[in-house]
C-alpha atoms as a PDB file:
ATOM      1  CA  MET A   1    -142.902  36.848 106.640  1.00  0.00           C
ATOM      2  CA  GLY A   2    -146.187  37.861 108.088  1.00  0.00           C
ATOM      3  CA  LEU A   3    -148.296  36.148 110.659  1.00  0.00           C
ATOM      4  CA  GLY A   4    -150.349  34.642 107.857  1.00  0.00           C
ATOM      5  CA  GLY A   5    -147.517  32.254 107.162  1.00  0.00           C
ATOM      6  CA  GLU A   6    -146.699  33.383 103.631  1.00  0.00           C
ATOM      7  CA  GLY A   7    -143.377  31.852 102.668  1.00  0.00           C
ATOM      8  CA  LEU A   8    -143.255  29.723 105.795  1.00  0.00           C
ATOM      9  CA  ASP A   9    -142.716  26.016 105.217  1.00  0.00           C
ATOM     10  CA  VAL A  10    -143.909  24.399 108.451  1.00  0.00           C
ATOM     11  CA  TYR A  11    -142.326  21.053 107.648  1.00  0.00           C
ATOM     12  CA  GLU A  12    -138.942  22.568 106.836  1.00  0.00           C
ATOM     13  CA  SER A  13    -139.072  24.785 109.911  1.00  0.00           C
ATOM     14  CA  GLY A  14    -139.941  21.844 112.152  1.00  0.00           C
ATOM     15  CA  TYR A  15    -137.181  19.720 110.639  1.00  0.00           C
ATOM     16  CA  ASN A  16    -134.577  22.447 111.066  1.00  0.00           C
ATOM     17  CA  ASN A  17    -135.578  23.127 114.661  1.00  0.00           C
ATOM     18  CA  ALA A  18    -135.658  19.470 115.650  1.00  0.00           C
ATOM     19  CA  TYR A  19    -132.586  18.318 113.741  1.00  0.00           C
ATOM     20  CA  MET A  20    -129.834  20.790 113.035  1.00  0.00           C
ATOM     21  CA  ALA A  21    -127.458  18.945 110.738  1.00  0.00           C
ATOM     22  CA  GLU A  22    -123.902  20.178 110.636  1.00  0.00           C
ATOM     23  CA  THR A  23    -121.060  19.193 108.359  1.00  0.00           C
ATOM     24  CA  ILE A  24    -117.828  18.245 110.067  1.00  0.00           C
ATOM     25  CA  ARG A  25    -114.536  17.053 108.684  1.00  0.00           C
ATOM     26  CA  ILE A  26    -112.919  13.953 110.138  1.00  0.00           C
ATOM     27  CA  ASP A  27    -109.809  12.171 109.009  1.00  0.00           C
ATOM     28  CA  PRO A  28    -110.202   9.134 106.733  1.00  0.00           C
ATOM     29  CA  VAL A  29    -109.124   6.665 109.439  1.00  0.00           C
ATOM     30  CA  ALA A  30    -111.791   7.979 111.834  1.00  0.00           C
ATOM     31  CA  HIS A  31    -114.391   7.882 109.061  1.00  0.00           C
ATOM     32  CA  ALA A  32    -113.505   4.267 108.246  1.00  0.00           C
ATOM     33  CA  ALA A  33    -113.778   3.309 111.920  1.00  0.00           C
ATOM     34  CA  LEU A  34    -117.105   5.120 112.252  1.00  0.00           C
ATOM     35  CA  SER A  35    -118.404   3.420 109.101  1.00  0.00           C
ATOM     36  CA  GLU A  36    -117.359   0.021 110.441  1.00  0.00           C
ATOM     37  CA  ILE A  37    -119.105   0.655 113.769  1.00  0.00           C
ATOM     38  CA  ALA A  38    -122.246   1.848 111.997  1.00  0.00           C
ATOM     39  CA  ARG A  39    -122.268  -1.178 109.702  1.00  0.00           C
ATOM     40  CA  GLU A  40    -121.709  -3.666 112.557  1.00  0.00           C
ATOM     41  CA  LYS A  41    -124.387  -2.087 114.749  1.00  0.00           C
ATOM     42  CA  LYS A  42    -126.766  -1.434 111.827  1.00  0.00           C
ATOM     43  CA  LEU A  43    -126.828   2.302 112.561  1.00  0.00           C
ATOM     44  CA  SER A  44    -126.640   5.353 110.370  1.00  0.00           C
ATOM     45  CA  LEU A  45    -123.363   7.271 110.454  1.00  0.00           C
ATOM     46  CA  THR A  46    -125.180  10.040 112.338  1.00  0.00           C
ATOM     47  CA  GLU A  47    -126.398   7.631 115.019  1.00  0.00           C
ATOM     48  CA  ALA A  48    -122.978   6.009 115.335  1.00  0.00           C
ATOM     49  CA  LEU A  49    -121.301   9.403 115.698  1.00  0.00           C
ATOM     50  CA  SER A  50    -123.889  10.576 118.232  1.00  0.00           C
ATOM     51  CA  ASN A  51    -123.346   7.402 120.272  1.00  0.00           C
ATOM     52  CA  ALA A  52    -119.572   7.865 120.124  1.00  0.00           C
ATOM     53  CA  VAL A  53    -119.826  11.490 121.262  1.00  0.00           C
ATOM     54  CA  GLU A  54    -122.120  10.511 124.150  1.00  0.00           C
ATOM     55  CA  ALA A  55    -119.758   7.702 125.190  1.00  0.00           C
ATOM     56  CA  TYR A  56    -116.823  10.130 125.138  1.00  0.00           C
ATOM     57  CA  ARG A  57    -118.815  12.703 127.133  1.00  0.00           C
ATOM     58  CA  ARG A  58    -119.577  10.100 129.796  1.00  0.00           C
ATOM     59  CA  GLN A  59    -115.975   8.879 129.831  1.00  0.00           C
ATOM     60  CA  GLU A  60    -114.743  12.426 130.445  1.00  0.00           C
ATOM     61  CA  PHE A  61    -117.371  13.011 133.137  1.00  0.00           C
ATOM     62  CA  PHE A  62    -116.330   9.913 135.073  1.00  0.00           C
ATOM     63  CA  ALA A  63    -112.625  10.660 134.598  1.00  0.00           C
ATOM     64  CA  GLY A  64    -113.257  14.079 136.134  1.00  0.00           C
ATOM     65  CA  LEU A  65    -115.234  12.510 138.957  1.00  0.00           C
ATOM     66  CA  ALA A  66    -112.428  10.042 139.675  1.00  0.00           C
ATOM     67  CA  SER A  67    -109.920  12.893 139.680  1.00  0.00           C
ATOM     68  CA  ASP A  68    -112.071  14.894 142.091  1.00  0.00           C
ATOM     69  CA  TYR A  69    -112.331  11.924 144.471  1.00  0.00           C
ATOM     70  CA  ALA A  70    -108.574  11.376 144.260  1.00  0.00           C
ATOM     71  CA  THR A  71    -108.055  15.012 145.233  1.00  0.00           C
ATOM     72  CA  LEU A  72    -110.514  14.630 148.110  1.00  0.00           C
ATOM     73  CA  ARG A  73    -108.805  11.463 149.335  1.00  0.00           C
ATOM     74  CA  SER A  74    -105.403  13.143 149.254  1.00  0.00           C
ATOM     75  CA  ASN A  75    -106.624  15.687 151.823  1.00  0.00           C
ATOM     76  CA  ASP A  76    -106.818  13.702 155.092  1.00  0.00           C
ATOM     77  CA  GLY A  77    -109.049  16.220 156.872  1.00  0.00           C
ATOM     78  CA  ALA A  78    -111.509  16.569 154.012  1.00  0.00           C
ATOM     79  CA  TRP A  79    -111.626  12.792 153.447  1.00  0.00           C
ATOM     80  CA  THR A  80    -112.295  12.143 157.159  1.00  0.00           C
ATOM     81  CA  GLU A  81    -115.083  14.723 157.092  1.00  0.00           C
ATOM     82  CA  GLU A  82    -116.565  13.074 153.990  1.00  0.00           C
ATOM     83  CA  GLN A  83    -116.497   9.635 155.671  1.00  0.00           C
ATOM     84  CA  GLU A  84    -118.166  11.002 158.808  1.00  0.00           C
ATOM     85  CA  GLU A  85    -120.916  12.585 156.728  1.00  0.00           C
ATOM     86  CA  ARG A  86    -121.477   9.311 154.873  1.00  0.00           C
ATOM     87  CA  ARG A  87    -121.783   7.425 158.174  1.00  0.00           C
ATOM     88  CA  ALA A  88    -124.345   9.966 159.392  1.00  0.00           C
ATOM     89  CA  TRP A  89    -126.412   9.533 156.239  1.00  0.00           C
ATOM     90  CA  ASP A  90    -126.091   5.735 156.390  1.00  0.00           C
ATOM     91  CA  ALA A  91    -127.467   5.783 159.943  1.00  0.00           C
ATOM     92  CA  ALA A  92    -130.485   7.856 158.937  1.00  0.00           C
ATOM     93  CA  SER A  93    -133.716   6.046 158.185  1.00  0.00           C
ATOM     94  CA  PHE A  94    -135.626   7.677 155.371  1.00  0.00           C
ATOM     95  CA  ASP A  95    -138.828   5.646 155.607  1.00  0.00           C
ATOM     96  CA  ASP A  96    -138.932   4.270 159.166  1.00  0.00           C
ATOM     97  CA  LEU A  97    -138.883   0.746 157.777  1.00  0.00           C
ATOM     98  CA  GLU A  98    -136.584  -1.993 158.910  1.00  0.00           C
ATOM     99  CA  ASP A  99    -133.858  -3.169 156.551  1.00  0.00           C
ATOM    100  CA  GLU A 100    -135.340  -5.506 153.997  1.00  0.00           C
END
């Protein structure tokens, strides 16, 4: 392909760069559940799957966060230091305004 654009389909190129569809295999039970969710929420299967993946990503993020805080709390010295730092930040006034 030259710079003149011979053989270049701008629409196809834009579609492929903006939306890279992949084929995945899921078990029939998961597919049925995904189809039911999509139907109930009036979403495409792609949207329903994307929402499910994002929800799972967030769930895992917060589970990791909770685990990290549990580890911090189990270390008395580190937890005390964390609490002292929070009190210092709570005492700081960021805008010199009284509490509203």
